[in-house]
C-alpha atoms as a PDB file:
ATOM      1  CA  MET A   1       0.000   0.000   0.000  1.00  0.00           C
ATOM      2  CA  SER A   2       1.337   3.413  -0.858  1.00  0.00           C
ATOM      3  CA  THR A   3       0.446   6.837   0.354  1.00  0.00           C
ATOM      4  CA  THR A   4       0.541   9.847  -1.891  1.00  0.00           C
ATOM      5  CA  VAL A   5       1.270  13.181  -0.326  1.00  0.00           C
ATOM      6  CA  THR A   6       0.457  16.229  -2.386  1.00  0.00           C
ATOM      7  CA  SER A   7       1.584  19.686  -1.513  1.00  0.00           C
ATOM      8  CA  ALA A   8       0.078  22.858  -2.826  1.00  0.00           C
ATOM      9  CA  PRO A   9       2.275  24.912  -5.091  1.00  0.00           C
ATOM     10  CA  ALA A  10       4.119  27.675  -3.349  1.00  0.00           C
ATOM     11  CA  GLU A  11       2.294  30.318  -5.306  1.00  0.00           C
ATOM     12  CA  GLN A  12      -1.026  28.984  -3.966  1.00  0.00           C
ATOM     13  CA  MET A  13       0.058  29.187  -0.358  1.00  0.00           C
ATOM     14  CA  LYS A  14      -0.763  32.483   1.260  1.00  0.00           C
ATOM     15  CA  LEU A  15       0.906  33.564   4.424  1.00  0.00           C
ATOM     16  CA  HIS A  16      -1.275  35.989   6.349  1.00  0.00           C
ATOM     17  CA  THR A  17       0.672  38.509   8.314  1.00  0.00           C
ATOM     18  CA  SER A  18      -0.983  41.290  10.202  1.00  0.00           C
ATOM     19  CA  LYS A  19       0.393  44.282  12.019  1.00  0.00           C
ATOM     20  CA  PRO A  20      -1.631  46.421  14.389  1.00  0.00           C
ATOM     21  CA  SER A  21      -2.873  49.585  12.737  1.00  0.00           C
ATOM     22  CA  PHE A  22      -2.178  52.956  14.309  1.00  0.00           C
ATOM     23  CA  PHE A  23      -5.867  53.635  14.892  1.00  0.00           C
ATOM     24  CA  GLY A  24      -6.251  50.183  16.407  1.00  0.00           C
ATOM     25  CA  ILE A  25      -3.436  50.967  18.845  1.00  0.00           C
ATOM     26  CA  LEU A  26      -4.997  54.359  19.578  1.00  0.00           C
ATOM     27  CA  GLY A  27      -8.352  52.745  20.266  1.00  0.00           C
ATOM     28  CA  GLY A  28      -6.675  50.243  22.547  1.00  0.00           C
ATOM     29  CA  GLU A  29      -4.991  53.020  24.516  1.00  0.00           C
ATOM     30  CA  LEU A  30      -8.263  54.891  24.932  1.00  0.00           C
ATOM     31  CA  PHE A  31      -9.931  51.669  26.059  1.00  0.00           C
ATOM     32  CA  LYS A  32      -7.209  50.965  28.641  1.00  0.00           C
ATOM     33  CA  ILE A  33      -7.399  54.499  29.985  1.00  0.00           C
ATOM     34  CA  SER A  34     -11.172  54.245  30.361  1.00  0.00           C
ATOM     35  CA  ARG A  35     -10.693  51.139  32.514  1.00  0.00           C
ATOM     36  CA  GLN A  36      -8.219  52.707  34.961  1.00  0.00           C
ATOM     37  CA  TRP A  37      -9.944  53.579  38.227  1.00  0.00           C
ATOM     38  CA  ILE A  38      -7.382  56.292  39.026  1.00  0.00           C
ATOM     39  CA  VAL A  39      -8.622  58.275  36.005  1.00  0.00           C
ATOM     40  CA  TRP A  40     -12.221  58.353  37.213  1.00  0.00           C
ATOM     41  CA  VAL A  41     -11.225  59.106  40.801  1.00  0.00           C
ATOM     42  CA  MET A  42      -9.179  62.092  39.635  1.00  0.00           C
ATOM     43  CA  LEU A  43     -12.018  63.327  37.430  1.00  0.00           C
ATOM     44  CA  VAL A  44     -14.377  63.257  40.400  1.00  0.00           C
ATOM     45  CA  LEU A  45     -11.827  65.182  42.477  1.00  0.00           C
ATOM     46  CA  LEU A  46     -11.393  67.659  39.626  1.00  0.00           C
ATOM     47  CA  ALA A  47     -15.144  68.223  39.511  1.00  0.00           C
ATOM     48  CA  GLY A  48     -15.124  68.897  43.242  1.00  0.00           C
ATOM     49  CA  VAL A  49     -12.246  71.378  42.979  1.00  0.00           C
ATOM     50  CA  ILE A  50     -14.037  73.251  40.177  1.00  0.00           C
ATOM     51  CA  ALA A  51     -17.251  73.451  42.211  1.00  0.00           C
ATOM     52  CA  LEU A  52     -15.551  74.620  45.420  1.00  0.00           C
ATOM     53  CA  PRO A  53     -15.122  78.322  44.416  1.00  0.00           C
ATOM     54  CA  TYR A  54     -18.829  78.512  43.557  1.00  0.00           C
ATOM     55  CA  ILE A  55     -19.762  77.115  46.959  1.00  0.00           C
ATOM     56  CA  ILE A  56     -17.496  79.693  48.616  1.00  0.00           C
ATOM     57  CA  THR A  57     -19.007  82.471  46.493  1.00  0.00           C
ATOM     58  CA  LEU A  58     -22.456  81.631  47.854  1.00  0.00           C
ATOM     59  CA  THR A  59     -21.249  82.641  51.320  1.00  0.00           C
ATOM     60  CA  VAL A  60     -19.905  86.067  50.261  1.00  0.00           C
ATOM     61  CA  PRO A  61     -22.333  88.772  51.525  1.00  0.00           C
ATOM     62  CA  ASP A  62     -22.183  91.305  48.661  1.00  0.00           C
ATOM     63  CA  VAL A  63     -22.235  88.921  45.683  1.00  0.00           C
ATOM     64  CA  LYS A  64     -25.842  89.714  44.780  1.00  0.00           C
ATOM     65  CA  ALA A  65     -25.137  93.461  44.732  1.00  0.00           C
ATOM     66  CA  THR A  66     -22.045  92.907  42.577  1.00  0.00           C
ATOM     67  CA  ILE A  67     -24.009  90.847  40.053  1.00  0.00           C
ATOM     68  CA  ASP A  68     -26.796  93.448  39.910  1.00  0.00           C
ATOM     69  CA  HIS A  69     -24.558  96.506  39.505  1.00  0.00           C
ATOM     70  CA  THR A  70     -21.498  95.185  37.606  1.00  0.00           C
ATOM     71  CA  PRO A  71     -22.519  91.905  35.943  1.00  0.00           C
ATOM     72  CA  LEU A  72     -19.883  92.076  33.202  1.00  0.00           C
ATOM     73  CA  LEU A  73     -17.049  92.628  35.674  1.00  0.00           C
ATOM     74  CA  PHE A  74     -18.326  89.804  37.846  1.00  0.00           C
ATOM     75  CA  LEU A  75     -18.570  87.375  34.912  1.00  0.00           C
ATOM     76  CA  THR A  76     -15.167  88.409  33.559  1.00  0.00           C
ATOM     77  CA  ASN A  77     -13.410  87.902  36.875  1.00  0.00           C
ATOM     78  CA  ARG A  78     -15.155  84.578  37.434  1.00  0.00           C
ATOM     79  CA  MET A  79     -14.275  83.403  33.915  1.00  0.00           C
ATOM     80  CA  MET A  80     -10.565  84.108  34.395  1.00  0.00           C
ATOM     81  CA  GLN A  81     -10.507  82.531  37.844  1.00  0.00           C
ATOM     82  CA  ASN A  82     -12.290  79.437  36.568  1.00  0.00           C
ATOM     83  CA  LEU A  83      -9.904  79.019  33.635  1.00  0.00           C
ATOM     84  CA  ALA A  84      -6.893  79.544  35.915  1.00  0.00           C
ATOM     85  CA  ILE A  85      -8.160  76.818  38.245  1.00  0.00           C
ATOM     86  CA  LEU A  86      -8.793  74.555  35.268  1.00  0.00           C
ATOM     87  CA  ARG A  87      -5.234  75.100  34.028  1.00  0.00           C
ATOM     88  CA  VAL A  88      -3.674  74.157  37.342  1.00  0.00           C
ATOM     89  CA  PHE A  89      -5.772  71.133  38.240  1.00  0.00           C
ATOM     90  CA  ILE A  90      -6.170  69.738  34.732  1.00  0.00           C
ATOM     91  CA  GLY A  91      -2.380  70.005  34.621  1.00  0.00           C
ATOM     92  CA  ILE A  92      -2.095  67.787  37.706  1.00  0.00           C
ATOM     93  CA  PHE A  93      -4.598  65.357  36.191  1.00  0.00           C
ATOM     94  CA  LEU A  94      -2.570  65.186  32.957  1.00  0.00           C
ATOM     95  CA  LEU A  95       0.701  64.651  34.821  1.00  0.00           C
ATOM     96  CA  VAL A  96      -0.734  61.618  36.584  1.00  0.00           C
ATOM     97  CA  LEU A  97      -2.553  60.319  33.496  1.00  0.00           C
ATOM     98  CA  THR A  98       0.503  60.557  31.216  1.00  0.00           C
ATOM     99  CA  ALA A  99       2.766  58.923  33.796  1.00  0.00           C
ATOM    100  CA  PHE A 100       0.306  56.043  34.118  1.00  0.00           C
ATOM    101  CA  VAL A 101      -0.213  55.621  30.368  1.00  0.00           C
ATOM    102  CA  ILE A 102       3.526  55.439  29.619  1.00  0.00           C
ATOM    103  CA  GLY A 103       5.216  54.409  32.854  1.00  0.00           C
ATOM    104  CA  LEU A 104       2.839  51.585  33.745  1.00  0.00           C
ATOM    105  CA  GLU A 105       3.591  49.854  30.425  1.00  0.00           C
ATOM    106  CA  TYR A 106       7.264  49.671  31.356  1.00  0.00           C
ATOM    107  CA  GLN A 107       6.669  48.807  35.010  1.00  0.00           C
ATOM    108  CA  LEU A 108       4.383  45.866  34.217  1.00  0.00           C
ATOM    109  CA  GLY A 109       6.554  44.698  31.318  1.00  0.00           C
ATOM    110  CA  THR A 110       3.594  44.698  28.926  1.00  0.00           C
ATOM    111  CA  ILE A 111       5.489  46.912  26.498  1.00  0.00           C
ATOM    112  CA  ARG A 112       7.584  43.877  25.511  1.00  0.00           C
ATOM    113  CA  ILE A 113       4.437  42.002  24.509  1.00  0.00           C
ATOM    114  CA  LEU A 114       3.217  44.924  22.409  1.00  0.00           C
ATOM    115  CA  LEU A 115       6.561  45.296  20.645  1.00  0.00           C
ATOM    116  CA  ALA A 116       6.774  41.541  20.051  1.00  0.00           C
ATOM    117  CA  ARG A 117       3.432  41.700  18.231  1.00  0.00           C
ATOM    118  CA  GLY A 118       4.765  44.140  15.690  1.00  0.00           C
ATOM    119  CA  VAL A 119       3.959  47.495  17.251  1.00  0.00           C
ATOM    120  CA  GLY A 120       6.680  50.049  16.568  1.00  0.00           C
ATOM    121  CA  ARG A 121       8.161  51.874  19.527  1.00  0.00           C
ATOM    122  CA  LEU A 122       7.559  55.338  18.090  1.00  0.00           C
ATOM    123  CA  GLN A 123       4.160  54.210  16.823  1.00  0.00           C
ATOM    124  CA  LEU A 124       3.208  53.169  20.347  1.00  0.00           C
ATOM    125  CA  LEU A 125       4.513  56.394  21.900  1.00  0.00           C
ATOM    126  CA  THR A 126       2.636  58.502  19.344  1.00  0.00           C
ATOM    127  CA  ALA A 127      -0.600  56.592  19.965  1.00  0.00           C
ATOM    128  CA  LYS A 128      -0.258  56.999  23.717  1.00  0.00           C
ATOM    129  CA  LEU A 129       0.398  60.741  23.464  1.00  0.00           C
ATOM    130  CA  LEU A 130      -2.456  61.256  21.010  1.00  0.00           C
ATOM    131  CA  ALA A 131      -4.798  59.362  23.350  1.00  0.00           C
ATOM    132  CA  VAL A 132      -3.773  61.620  26.239  1.00  0.00           C
ATOM    133  CA  PHE A 133      -4.223  64.743  24.079  1.00  0.00           C
ATOM    134  CA  ILE A 134      -7.719  63.599  23.047  1.00  0.00           C
ATOM    135  CA  ILE A 135      -8.708  63.000  26.660  1.00  0.00           C
ATOM    136  CA  ALA A 136      -7.162  66.326  27.712  1.00  0.00           C
ATOM    137  CA  LEU A 137      -9.195  68.202  25.111  1.00  0.00           C
ATOM    138  CA  GLY A 138     -12.347  66.369  26.139  1.00  0.00           C
ATOM    139  CA  VAL A 139     -11.792  67.117  29.828  1.00  0.00           C
ATOM    140  CA  LEU A 140     -11.216  70.815  29.038  1.00  0.00           C
ATOM    141  CA  ILE A 141     -14.429  71.072  26.996  1.00  0.00           C
ATOM    142  CA  VAL A 142     -16.453  69.265  29.665  1.00  0.00           C
ATOM    143  CA  GLY A 143     -14.795  71.423  32.337  1.00  0.00           C
ATOM    144  CA  ILE A 144     -15.833  74.622  30.555  1.00  0.00           C
ATOM    145  CA  LEU A 145     -19.397  73.375  30.116  1.00  0.00           C
ATOM    146  CA  TYR A 146     -19.439  72.328  33.774  1.00  0.00           C
ATOM    147  CA  ASN A 147     -18.348  75.840  34.751  1.00  0.00           C
ATOM    148  CA  ILE A 148     -21.126  77.351  32.666  1.00  0.00           C
ATOM    149  CA  LEU A 149     -23.641  75.092  34.400  1.00  0.00           C
ATOM    150  CA  LEU A 150     -22.303  76.022  37.834  1.00  0.00           C
ATOM    151  CA  MET A 151     -22.289  79.736  36.973  1.00  0.00           C
ATOM    152  CA  SER A 152     -25.879  79.544  35.751  1.00  0.00           C
ATOM    153  CA  SER A 153     -26.872  77.772  38.958  1.00  0.00           C
ATOM    154  CA  LEU A 154     -25.073  80.434  41.000  1.00  0.00           C
ATOM    155  CA  LEU A 155     -26.906  83.243  39.204  1.00  0.00           C
ATOM    156  CA  LEU A 156     -30.276  81.548  39.674  1.00  0.00           C
ATOM    157  CA  ILE A 157     -29.620  81.034  43.374  1.00  0.00           C
ATOM    158  CA  MET A 158     -28.289  84.542  44.036  1.00  0.00           C
ATOM    159  CA  VAL A 159     -30.463  86.768  41.810  1.00  0.00           C
ATOM    160  CA  GLY A 160     -33.154  84.406  40.510  1.00  0.00           C
ATOM    161  CA  ASN A 161     -32.438  84.920  36.790  1.00  0.00           C
ATOM    162  CA  LEU A 162     -29.765  84.755  34.070  1.00  0.00           C
ATOM    163  CA  ASN A 163     -30.002  88.397  32.989  1.00  0.00           C
ATOM    164  CA  ALA A 164     -26.318  88.939  33.829  1.00  0.00           C
ATOM    165  CA  TYR A 165     -25.435  87.076  30.621  1.00  0.00           C
ATOM    166  CA  ASN A 166     -26.996  89.950  28.635  1.00  0.00           C
ATOM    167  CA  ALA A 167     -24.074  92.140  29.704  1.00  0.00           C
ATOM    168  CA  ILE A 168     -21.520  89.945  27.895  1.00  0.00           C
ATOM    169  CA  THR A 169     -19.691  91.815  25.111  1.00  0.00           C
ATOM    170  CA  PRO A 170     -17.466  90.711  22.186  1.00  0.00           C
ATOM    171  CA  ASP A 171     -14.444  91.758  24.265  1.00  0.00           C
ATOM    172  CA  PHE A 172     -15.474  89.210  26.896  1.00  0.00           C
ATOM    173  CA  TRP A 173     -15.481  86.410  24.316  1.00  0.00           C
ATOM    174  CA  SER A 174     -12.136  87.566  22.917  1.00  0.00           C
ATOM    175  CA  LEU A 175     -10.615  87.535  26.405  1.00  0.00           C
ATOM    176  CA  ALA A 176     -12.088  84.083  27.083  1.00  0.00           C
ATOM    177  CA  GLN A 177     -10.676  82.685  23.838  1.00  0.00           C
ATOM    178  CA  GLN A 178      -7.203  84.074  24.474  1.00  0.00           C
ATOM    179  CA  TYR A 179      -7.154  82.812  28.045  1.00  0.00           C
ATOM    180  CA  THR A 180      -8.340  79.378  26.892  1.00  0.00           C
ATOM    181  CA  LEU A 181      -5.496  79.324  24.360  1.00  0.00           C
ATOM    182  CA  THR A 182      -2.961  79.794  27.163  1.00  0.00           C
ATOM    183  CA  VAL A 183      -4.615  76.916  29.029  1.00  0.00           C
ATOM    184  CA  LEU A 184      -4.251  74.683  25.958  1.00  0.00           C
ATOM    185  CA  ILE A 185      -0.574  75.616  25.602  1.00  0.00           C
ATOM    186  CA  SER A 186       0.025  74.786  29.250  1.00  0.00           C
ATOM    187  CA  MET A 187      -1.764  71.449  28.866  1.00  0.00           C
ATOM    188  CA  GLY A 188       0.277  70.528  25.802  1.00  0.00           C
ATOM    189  CA  VAL A 189       3.694  71.175  27.313  1.00  0.00           C
ATOM    190  CA  THR A 190       2.603  69.466  30.536  1.00  0.00           C
ATOM    191  CA  ILE A 191       1.808  66.265  28.639  1.00  0.00           C
ATOM    192  CA  LEU A 192       5.145  66.398  26.818  1.00  0.00           C
ATOM    193  CA  MET A 193       7.064  66.912  30.062  1.00  0.00           C
ATOM    194  CA  ALA A 194       5.323  64.017  31.811  1.00  0.00           C
ATOM    195  CA  SER A 195       5.885  61.731  28.836  1.00  0.00           C
ATOM    196  CA  THR A 196       9.581  62.585  28.708  1.00  0.00           C
ATOM    197  CA  VAL A 197      10.320  61.845  32.362  1.00  0.00           C
ATOM    198  CA  SER A 198       8.280  58.623  32.102  1.00  0.00           C
ATOM    199  CA  VAL A 199      10.257  57.467  29.061  1.00  0.00           C
ATOM    200  CA  LEU A 200      13.481  58.515  30.751  1.00  0.00           C
ATOM    201  CA  GLY A 201      12.803  56.568  33.935  1.00  0.00           C
ATOM    202  CA  ARG A 202      10.919  53.646  32.343  1.00  0.00           C
ATOM    203  CA  SER A 203       8.948  53.409  35.549  1.00  0.00           C
ATOM    204  CA  LEU A 204       5.584  54.622  36.791  1.00  0.00           C
ATOM    205  CA  THR A 205       7.064  55.549  40.161  1.00  0.00           C
ATOM    206  CA  PHE A 206       9.930  57.541  38.653  1.00  0.00           C
ATOM    207  CA  GLY A 207       7.810  59.236  36.012  1.00  0.00           C
ATOM    208  CA  LEU A 208       4.983  60.138  38.372  1.00  0.00           C
ATOM    209  CA  SER A 209       7.304  61.441  41.092  1.00  0.00           C
ATOM    210  CA  LEU A 210       9.415  63.599  38.782  1.00  0.00           C
ATOM    211  CA  ALA A 211       6.415  64.860  36.819  1.00  0.00           C
ATOM    212  CA  LEU A 212       4.604  65.999  39.965  1.00  0.00           C
ATOM    213  CA  ALA A 213       7.797  67.512  41.400  1.00  0.00           C
ATOM    214  CA  TRP A 214       8.716  69.481  38.261  1.00  0.00           C
ATOM    215  CA  PHE A 215       6.326  72.413  38.608  1.00  0.00           C
ATOM    216  CA  ALA A 216       6.576  72.406  42.399  1.00  0.00           C
ATOM    217  CA  VAL A 217      10.342  72.846  42.144  1.00  0.00           C
ATOM    218  CA  ASP A 218       9.878  75.381  39.352  1.00  0.00           C
ATOM    219  CA  ASN A 219       7.555  77.548  41.441  1.00  0.00           C
ATOM    220  CA  ILE A 220       9.334  77.190  44.788  1.00  0.00           C
ATOM    221  CA  GLY A 221      12.678  77.651  43.049  1.00  0.00           C
ATOM    222  CA  THR A 222      11.861  81.277  42.298  1.00  0.00           C
ATOM    223  CA  ILE A 223      11.921  81.962  46.053  1.00  0.00           C
ATOM    224  CA  PHE A 224      15.446  80.584  46.428  1.00  0.00           C
ATOM    225  CA  LEU A 225      16.591  82.496  43.353  1.00  0.00           C
ATOM    226  CA  TYR A 226      15.213  85.681  44.891  1.00  0.00           C
ATOM    227  CA  LEU A 227      17.051  84.929  48.149  1.00  0.00           C
ATOM    228  CA  ALA A 228      20.239  84.433  46.126  1.00  0.00           C
ATOM    229  CA  TYR A 229      19.670  87.858  44.584  1.00  0.00           C
ATOM    230  CA  ARG A 230      19.225  89.443  48.017  1.00  0.00           C
ATOM    231  CA  LEU A 231      22.466  87.861  49.200  1.00  0.00           C
ATOM    232  CA  THR A 232      24.579  88.625  46.132  1.00  0.00           C
ATOM    233  CA  HIS A 233      22.767  91.684  44.700  1.00  0.00           C
ATOM    234  CA  SER A 234      23.342  90.131  41.276  1.00  0.00           C
ATOM    235  CA  ASP A 235      20.553  90.437  38.701  1.00  0.00           C
ATOM    236  CA  PHE A 236      21.655  87.100  37.267  1.00  0.00           C
ATOM    237  CA  TRP A 237      19.467  85.228  39.748  1.00  0.00           C
ATOM    238  CA  LEU A 238      16.399  87.296  38.889  1.00  0.00           C
ATOM    239  CA  ASN A 239      17.022  86.803  35.170  1.00  0.00           C
ATOM    240  CA  VAL A 240      17.095  83.031  35.640  1.00  0.00           C
ATOM    241  CA  THR A 241      13.448  83.113  36.754  1.00  0.00           C
ATOM    242  CA  ALA A 242      12.519  84.358  33.276  1.00  0.00           C
ATOM    243  CA  TYR A 243      13.540  80.995  31.811  1.00  0.00           C
ATOM    244  CA  LEU A 244      11.743  78.616  34.171  1.00  0.00           C
ATOM    245  CA  LEU A 245       8.819  76.794  32.571  1.00  0.00           C
ATOM    246  CA  GLY A 246       6.309  77.001  35.427  1.00  0.00           C
ATOM    247  CA  PRO A 247       6.578  80.759  36.059  1.00  0.00           C
ATOM    248  CA  ASN A 248       6.348  81.446  32.322  1.00  0.00           C
ATOM    249  CA  LEU A 249       3.148  79.417  32.057  1.00  0.00           C
ATOM    250  CA  ASN A 250       1.770  81.205  35.113  1.00  0.00           C
ATOM    251  CA  VAL A 251       2.430  84.681  33.739  1.00  0.00           C
ATOM    252  CA  MET A 252       1.530  83.864  30.119  1.00  0.00           C
ATOM    253  CA  PRO A 253      -2.114  85.088  30.286  1.00  0.00           C
ATOM    254  CA  LYS A 254      -1.052  88.411  31.814  1.00  0.00           C
ATOM    255  CA  ALA A 255       1.850  88.849  29.380  1.00  0.00           C
ATOM    256  CA  LEU A 256      -0.004  87.729  26.269  1.00  0.00           C
ATOM    257  CA  ILE A 257      -3.469  89.238  26.646  1.00  0.00           C
ATOM    258  CA  THR A 258      -3.915  92.953  26.059  1.00  0.00           C
ATOM    259  CA  THR A 259      -6.963  94.269  27.908  1.00  0.00           C
ATOM    260  CA  LYS A 260      -7.949  96.952  30.364  1.00  0.00           C
ATOM    261  CA  THR A 261      -9.153  94.296  32.779  1.00  0.00           C
ATOM    262  CA  GLU A 262      -6.633  92.995  35.298  1.00  0.00           C
ATOM    263  CA  ILE A 263      -5.699  89.449  34.324  1.00  0.00           C
ATOM    264  CA  PHE A 264      -6.044  86.839  37.046  1.00  0.00           C
ATOM    265  CA  THR A 265      -3.178  84.340  37.385  1.00  0.00           C
ATOM    266  CA  ILE A 266      -2.133  81.608  39.814  1.00  0.00           C
ATOM    267  CA  GLY A 267       1.381  80.593  40.812  1.00  0.00           C
ATOM    268  CA  ALA A 268       4.882  82.042  41.001  1.00  0.00           C
ATOM    269  CA  GLN A 269       5.960  84.417  38.261  1.00  0.00           C
ATOM    270  CA  PRO A 270       9.350  85.615  36.982  1.00  0.00           C
ATOM    271  CA  TYR A 271      10.956  88.376  39.041  1.00  0.00           C
ATOM    272  CA  VAL A 272      11.702  90.272  35.837  1.00  0.00           C
ATOM    273  CA  THR A 273       9.249  91.652  33.302  1.00  0.00           C
ATOM    274  CA  VAL A 274       8.562  89.339  30.363  1.00  0.00           C
ATOM    275  CA  ASP A 275       6.301  89.871  27.368  1.00  0.00           C
ATOM    276  CA  GLY A 276       3.965  87.450  25.651  1.00  0.00           C
ATOM    277  CA  ALA A 277       6.436  86.532  22.910  1.00  0.00           C
ATOM    278  CA  HIS A 278       9.042  85.611  25.530  1.00  0.00           C
ATOM    279  CA  THR A 279       6.673  83.256  27.360  1.00  0.00           C
ATOM    280  CA  LEU A 280       5.705  81.583  24.075  1.00  0.00           C
ATOM    281  CA  TRP A 281       9.326  81.111  22.960  1.00  0.00           C
ATOM    282  CA  VAL A 282      10.418  79.718  26.318  1.00  0.00           C
ATOM    283  CA  THR A 283       7.473  77.300  26.331  1.00  0.00           C
ATOM    284  CA  LEU A 284       8.194  76.268  22.736  1.00  0.00           C
ATOM    285  CA  VAL A 285      11.847  75.540  23.511  1.00  0.00           C
ATOM    286  CA  TYR A 286      10.875  73.376  26.479  1.00  0.00           C
ATOM    287  CA  ALA A 287       8.240  71.568  24.375  1.00  0.00           C
ATOM    288  CA  VAL A 288      10.716  70.829  21.569  1.00  0.00           C
ATOM    289  CA  ILE A 289      13.324  69.547  24.035  1.00  0.00           C
ATOM    290  CA  PHE A 290      10.772  67.324  25.775  1.00  0.00           C
ATOM    291  CA  ALA A 291       9.522  65.926  22.453  1.00  0.00           C
ATOM    292  CA  LEU A 292      13.025  65.277  21.089  1.00  0.00           C
ATOM    293  CA  VAL A 293      14.226  63.561  24.274  1.00  0.00           C
ATOM    294  CA  ALA A 294      11.145  61.312  24.395  1.00  0.00           C
ATOM    295  CA  ILE A 295      11.425  60.425  20.696  1.00  0.00           C
ATOM    296  CA  VAL A 296      15.175  59.754  20.713  1.00  0.00           C
ATOM    297  CA  LEU A 297      15.113  57.664  23.891  1.00  0.00           C
ATOM    298  CA  THR A 298      12.141  55.632  22.665  1.00  0.00           C
ATOM    299  CA  TRP A 299      13.737  55.118  19.253  1.00  0.00           C
ATOM    300  CA  ARG A 300      17.302  54.319  20.299  1.00  0.00           C
ATOM    301  CA  ARG A 301      16.938  52.333  23.497  1.00  0.00           C
ATOM    302  CA  ASP A 302      15.996  48.675  23.419  1.00  0.00           C
ATOM    303  CA  VAL A 303      13.410  47.327  25.835  1.00  0.00           C
ATOM    304  CA  LYS A 304      15.227  44.573  27.724  1.00  0.00           C
ATOM    305  CA  GLU A 305      13.934  44.753  31.269  1.00  0.00           C
END
């Protein structure tokens, strides 16, 4: 008895190879982020922080009189304060989120599995950053809408109507747009900074710690630089504050926006006068350095651990 074995011609055999698409990776990153409990906890805390100033405002005795007599001034001041609070606390949220998205992959070792399945290192980094940027934009939009809802509730409670909105002028909207732009710039460079330290340390602990410490050191550092100036009487120490990232982001709305209204800002500022162009250039230089360091380290270093 004989057995005949036939094999298909090579040209009829098809080898199916598949590589993850960029949008598939992006969707996977968004899915993973949506399943992290820390993200939702921080969003709840962010909502509470945003609502706190409104609760405090309800206890101020002369708020009703201010709304009745100077509604535009009241709304303008509240708008700037709300956006300043959003900038600071969305920044903290993005520092933690970016450190988790990038650092946790290294810490758990799952990045090796992703790379072994054909995902490129720069492709993965780009997808992660884009996912964070999408979430950041969504949180900002929801945060602004949430502020509008809270402001409307405040007006209804204090004066019983929304007539104060009739006092809004085109200059108000222009100021709001420019201030929002500075918030977006701050959010963008914050994400890049957090991603860079996370890639550098290849650890959630390292990335999260350094990311959270960066702006704290930046802001507190201006105090020590001022003390150095008082001791040495050298303007060099004051000039250094003009090139720190945090103080430049803090002063950017005041330096960039031209208006008769006093611009509200939060945080330490340079001890020398800087204009809007200076704050933008300093921020751009930091952003480019952060992006280049993250790209080069991700591209050149192998993942062995």
